[in-house]
N, C-alpha and C. Protein backbone atom coordinates (compact mmCIF):
# COMPACT_ATOMS: atom_id res chain seq x y z
N UNK A 1 139.32 73.69 97.96
CA UNK A 1 140.00 73.07 97.26
C UNK A 1 140.25 71.80 97.69
N UNK A 2 139.72 70.93 97.30
CA UNK A 2 139.92 69.49 97.91
C UNK A 2 141.18 68.69 97.11
N UNK A 3 141.95 68.28 97.93
CA UNK A 3 143.24 67.49 97.41
C UNK A 3 142.72 66.16 97.45
N UNK A 4 143.45 65.28 96.51
CA UNK A 4 143.38 63.80 96.74
C UNK A 4 144.40 63.49 97.40
N UNK A 5 144.20 61.96 98.21
CA UNK A 5 145.43 61.41 99.08
C UNK A 5 146.76 61.51 98.33
N UNK A 6 146.64 61.21 97.12
CA UNK A 6 147.82 61.38 96.24
C UNK A 6 148.68 62.63 96.23
N UNK A 7 147.60 63.45 96.04
CA UNK A 7 148.37 65.09 95.84
C UNK A 7 148.90 65.44 97.20
N UNK A 8 148.36 65.15 98.42
CA UNK A 8 148.60 65.06 99.41
C UNK A 8 149.96 64.75 99.93
N UNK A 9 150.24 63.25 99.66
CA UNK A 9 151.32 62.94 99.60
C UNK A 9 152.51 63.29 99.01
N UNK A 10 152.28 63.60 97.66
CA UNK A 10 153.06 64.62 96.74
C UNK A 10 153.57 66.06 97.62
N UNK A 11 152.57 66.65 98.20
CA UNK A 11 153.08 68.05 98.89
C UNK A 11 153.70 67.67 100.05
N UNK A 12 153.61 66.62 100.71
CA UNK A 12 154.39 65.95 102.15
C UNK A 12 155.59 65.41 101.21
N UNK A 13 155.80 65.26 100.41
CA UNK A 13 157.38 64.45 99.81
C UNK A 13 157.47 63.29 100.30
N UNK A 14 156.39 62.46 100.12
CA UNK A 14 156.33 60.68 100.20
C UNK A 14 156.10 60.67 101.89
N UNK A 15 156.36 61.74 102.79
CA UNK A 15 156.29 61.16 104.51
C UNK A 15 154.56 61.01 104.49
N UNK A 16 154.59 59.70 105.04
CA UNK A 16 153.13 59.32 105.29
C UNK A 16 152.66 59.83 106.69
N UNK A 17 153.50 60.01 107.72
CA UNK A 17 153.10 60.65 108.71
C UNK A 17 152.60 62.15 108.48
N UNK A 18 153.73 63.06 107.84
CA UNK A 18 153.10 64.26 107.46
C UNK A 18 151.65 64.62 106.81
N UNK A 19 151.91 63.20 105.86
CA UNK A 19 150.29 63.59 104.81
C UNK A 19 149.12 63.19 105.85
N UNK A 20 149.18 62.14 106.88
CA UNK A 20 148.37 62.14 107.84
C UNK A 20 147.93 63.39 108.60
N UNK A 21 148.84 64.01 109.10
CA UNK A 21 148.67 65.26 109.71
C UNK A 21 148.36 66.21 109.15
N UNK A 22 148.53 66.40 107.52
CA UNK A 22 147.94 67.31 106.92
C UNK A 22 146.83 67.11 106.35
N UNK A 23 146.60 65.66 106.18
CA UNK A 23 144.94 65.58 105.80
C UNK A 23 143.91 65.81 107.09
N UNK A 24 144.15 65.47 108.43
CA UNK A 24 143.65 66.05 109.39
C UNK A 24 143.43 67.53 109.45
N UNK A 25 144.48 68.18 109.17
CA UNK A 25 144.16 69.64 109.62
C UNK A 25 143.29 70.31 108.00
N UNK A 26 143.43 69.83 107.05
CA UNK A 26 142.57 69.89 105.85
C UNK A 26 141.07 69.48 106.35
N UNK A 27 140.93 68.75 106.97
CA UNK A 27 139.46 67.95 107.47
C UNK A 27 138.90 69.28 108.44
N UNK A 28 140.04 69.47 109.42
CA UNK A 28 139.59 70.28 110.60
C UNK A 28 139.07 71.65 110.05
N UNK A 29 139.87 72.26 108.81
CA UNK A 29 139.79 73.65 108.60
C UNK A 29 138.28 73.43 107.42
N UNK A 30 137.93 72.29 106.99
CA UNK A 30 136.95 72.34 106.30
C UNK A 30 135.58 72.26 107.33
N UNK A 31 135.95 71.79 108.30
CA UNK A 31 134.61 71.71 109.41
C UNK A 31 134.58 73.16 109.98
N UNK A 32 135.60 73.56 110.33
CA UNK A 32 135.42 74.78 111.04
C UNK A 32 134.78 76.00 109.84
N UNK A 33 135.32 75.97 108.75
CA UNK A 33 134.68 76.62 107.52
C UNK A 33 133.11 76.65 107.63
N UNK A 34 132.40 75.48 107.35
CA UNK A 34 131.15 75.29 107.78
C UNK A 34 130.38 75.48 108.70
N UNK A 35 131.23 75.23 109.97
CA UNK A 35 130.62 75.79 111.27
C UNK A 35 130.66 77.37 111.13
N UNK A 36 131.52 78.14 111.03
CA UNK A 36 131.50 79.78 110.70
C UNK A 36 130.62 79.95 109.64
N UNK A 37 130.48 79.53 108.55
CA UNK A 37 129.03 80.02 107.68
C UNK A 37 127.91 79.70 108.55
N UNK A 38 127.56 78.63 109.41
CA UNK A 38 126.46 78.62 109.85
C UNK A 38 126.41 79.69 110.65
N UNK A 39 127.20 79.68 111.60
CA UNK A 39 127.07 81.09 112.51
C UNK A 39 126.77 82.41 112.14
N UNK A 40 127.51 82.65 110.96
CA UNK A 40 127.14 83.92 110.12
C UNK A 40 125.80 83.96 109.94
N UNK A 41 125.13 82.96 109.49
CA UNK A 41 123.97 83.17 108.94
C UNK A 41 122.90 83.06 110.06
N UNK A 42 123.25 82.59 111.30
CA UNK A 42 122.21 82.51 112.80
C UNK A 42 122.59 84.15 113.20
N UNK A 43 123.82 84.52 113.22
CA UNK A 43 124.07 85.97 113.61
C UNK A 43 123.17 86.98 112.60
N UNK A 44 123.23 86.63 111.40
CA UNK A 44 122.44 87.42 110.50
C UNK A 44 120.85 87.58 110.71
N UNK A 45 120.37 86.26 110.98
CA UNK A 45 119.15 86.27 111.10
C UNK A 45 118.68 86.78 112.63
N UNK A 46 119.58 86.68 113.43
CA UNK A 46 119.07 87.12 114.84
C UNK A 46 119.10 88.67 114.79
N UNK A 47 120.18 89.31 113.88
CA UNK A 47 120.55 90.38 113.80
C UNK A 47 119.05 91.20 113.02
N UNK A 48 118.36 90.55 112.12
CA UNK A 48 117.36 90.91 111.45
C UNK A 48 115.99 90.64 112.44
N UNK A 49 115.77 89.64 112.92
CA UNK A 49 115.17 89.81 113.97
C UNK A 49 114.74 90.81 115.40
N UNK A 50 116.52 91.27 115.51
CA UNK A 50 116.34 92.34 116.77
C UNK A 50 115.86 93.59 115.85
N UNK A 51 116.00 93.66 114.66
CA UNK A 51 115.81 95.32 114.18
C UNK A 51 114.21 95.07 113.93
N UNK A 52 113.26 93.93 114.50
CA UNK A 52 111.99 94.22 114.05
C UNK A 52 111.40 95.08 115.33
N UNK A 53 110.43 95.56 114.65
CA UNK A 53 109.21 96.28 115.88
C UNK A 53 107.89 96.35 114.98
N UNK A 54 107.15 96.83 115.86
CA UNK A 54 105.62 97.02 115.65
C UNK A 54 105.40 97.86 114.04
N UNK A 55 106.42 98.86 114.00
CA UNK A 55 106.46 99.68 112.86
C UNK A 55 106.59 98.92 111.48
N UNK A 56 108.01 97.86 111.50
CA UNK A 56 108.44 97.37 110.46
C UNK A 56 108.05 95.94 110.23
N UNK A 57 107.21 95.11 111.33
CA UNK A 57 106.63 93.88 111.19
C UNK A 57 105.28 93.88 111.57
N UNK A 58 104.74 92.68 111.69
CA UNK A 58 103.66 92.48 112.27
C UNK A 58 103.42 92.23 113.61
N UNK A 59 104.51 92.66 114.07
CA UNK A 59 104.27 92.15 115.58
C UNK A 59 103.48 93.21 116.39
N UNK A 60 102.91 93.12 117.63
CA UNK A 60 102.22 94.16 118.30
C UNK A 60 102.87 94.93 118.99
N UNK A 61 102.55 96.42 119.01
CA UNK A 61 103.43 96.96 119.90
C UNK A 61 103.77 96.71 121.45
N UNK A 62 102.83 96.13 121.97
CA UNK A 62 103.48 95.48 123.06
C UNK A 62 104.84 94.51 123.36
N UNK A 63 105.15 93.97 122.41
CA UNK A 63 106.42 93.29 122.13
C UNK A 63 107.76 94.27 121.83
N UNK A 64 107.45 95.74 121.37
CA UNK A 64 108.40 96.35 121.30
C UNK A 64 109.50 96.66 122.59
N UNK A 65 109.01 96.20 123.76
CA UNK A 65 109.65 96.32 125.00
C UNK A 65 109.50 97.77 125.59
N UNK A 66 110.67 98.48 126.15
CA UNK A 66 110.47 99.09 127.19
C UNK A 66 111.08 100.63 126.29
N UNK A 67 111.24 100.68 125.15
CA UNK A 67 111.58 101.98 124.50
C UNK A 67 110.16 102.94 124.28
N UNK A 68 110.78 104.00 124.74
CA UNK A 68 109.78 105.19 124.67
C UNK A 68 109.53 105.64 123.21
N UNK A 69 108.41 105.66 122.76
CA UNK A 69 108.06 106.34 121.21
C UNK A 69 108.61 107.93 121.16
N UNK A 70 109.04 108.12 120.07
CA UNK A 70 109.37 109.34 119.91
C UNK A 70 108.60 110.10 119.72
N UNK A 71 108.78 111.45 120.63
CA UNK A 71 107.49 112.29 120.59
C UNK A 71 107.58 113.35 119.30
N UNK A 72 106.50 113.18 118.84
CA UNK A 72 106.46 113.69 117.05
C UNK A 72 105.77 115.38 117.55
N UNK A 73 105.54 115.81 118.70
CA UNK A 73 105.16 117.21 118.95
C UNK A 73 106.28 118.03 118.85
N UNK A 74 106.02 119.61 118.51
CA UNK A 74 106.69 120.40 118.13
C UNK A 74 106.38 121.40 119.36
N UNK A 75 107.99 121.59 120.17
CA UNK A 75 107.93 122.48 120.98
C UNK A 75 107.30 123.66 120.73
N UNK A 76 106.28 123.97 121.79
CA UNK A 76 105.59 125.15 121.61
C UNK A 76 105.24 125.99 122.94
N UNK A 77 104.29 126.58 122.89
CA UNK A 77 103.74 127.55 123.89
C UNK A 77 103.31 128.62 123.88
N UNK A 78 102.91 129.26 124.69
CA UNK A 78 102.61 130.94 124.52
C UNK A 78 103.63 131.55 124.54
N UNK A 79 103.55 132.49 123.78
CA UNK A 79 104.24 133.47 123.42
C UNK A 79 103.97 134.95 123.71
N UNK A 80 105.30 135.38 124.23
CA UNK A 80 105.37 136.48 125.20
C UNK A 80 105.47 137.84 124.19
N UNK A 81 104.41 138.63 124.44
CA UNK A 81 104.43 139.62 123.87
C UNK A 81 105.60 140.92 124.85
N UNK A 82 106.11 141.72 123.84
CA UNK A 82 107.27 142.27 124.16
C UNK A 82 106.44 144.05 124.32
């Protein structure tokens, strides 16, 4: 919500000193909201990149790091006769 200077002055009941502080706080709030949105986009992108591996992207398997591949073999072996 964008307030005009005369609206801020009205809210502050004509006190120009309070209106100046109020305006400064509105500007700081707008700046912080913009920074927050920017950081949220960055975190989302980094989380997306972190979730990529050779199975779901064009990255080579050597870039997967030190994770051990899941063993798809079923445990078995010789069966004893009774």
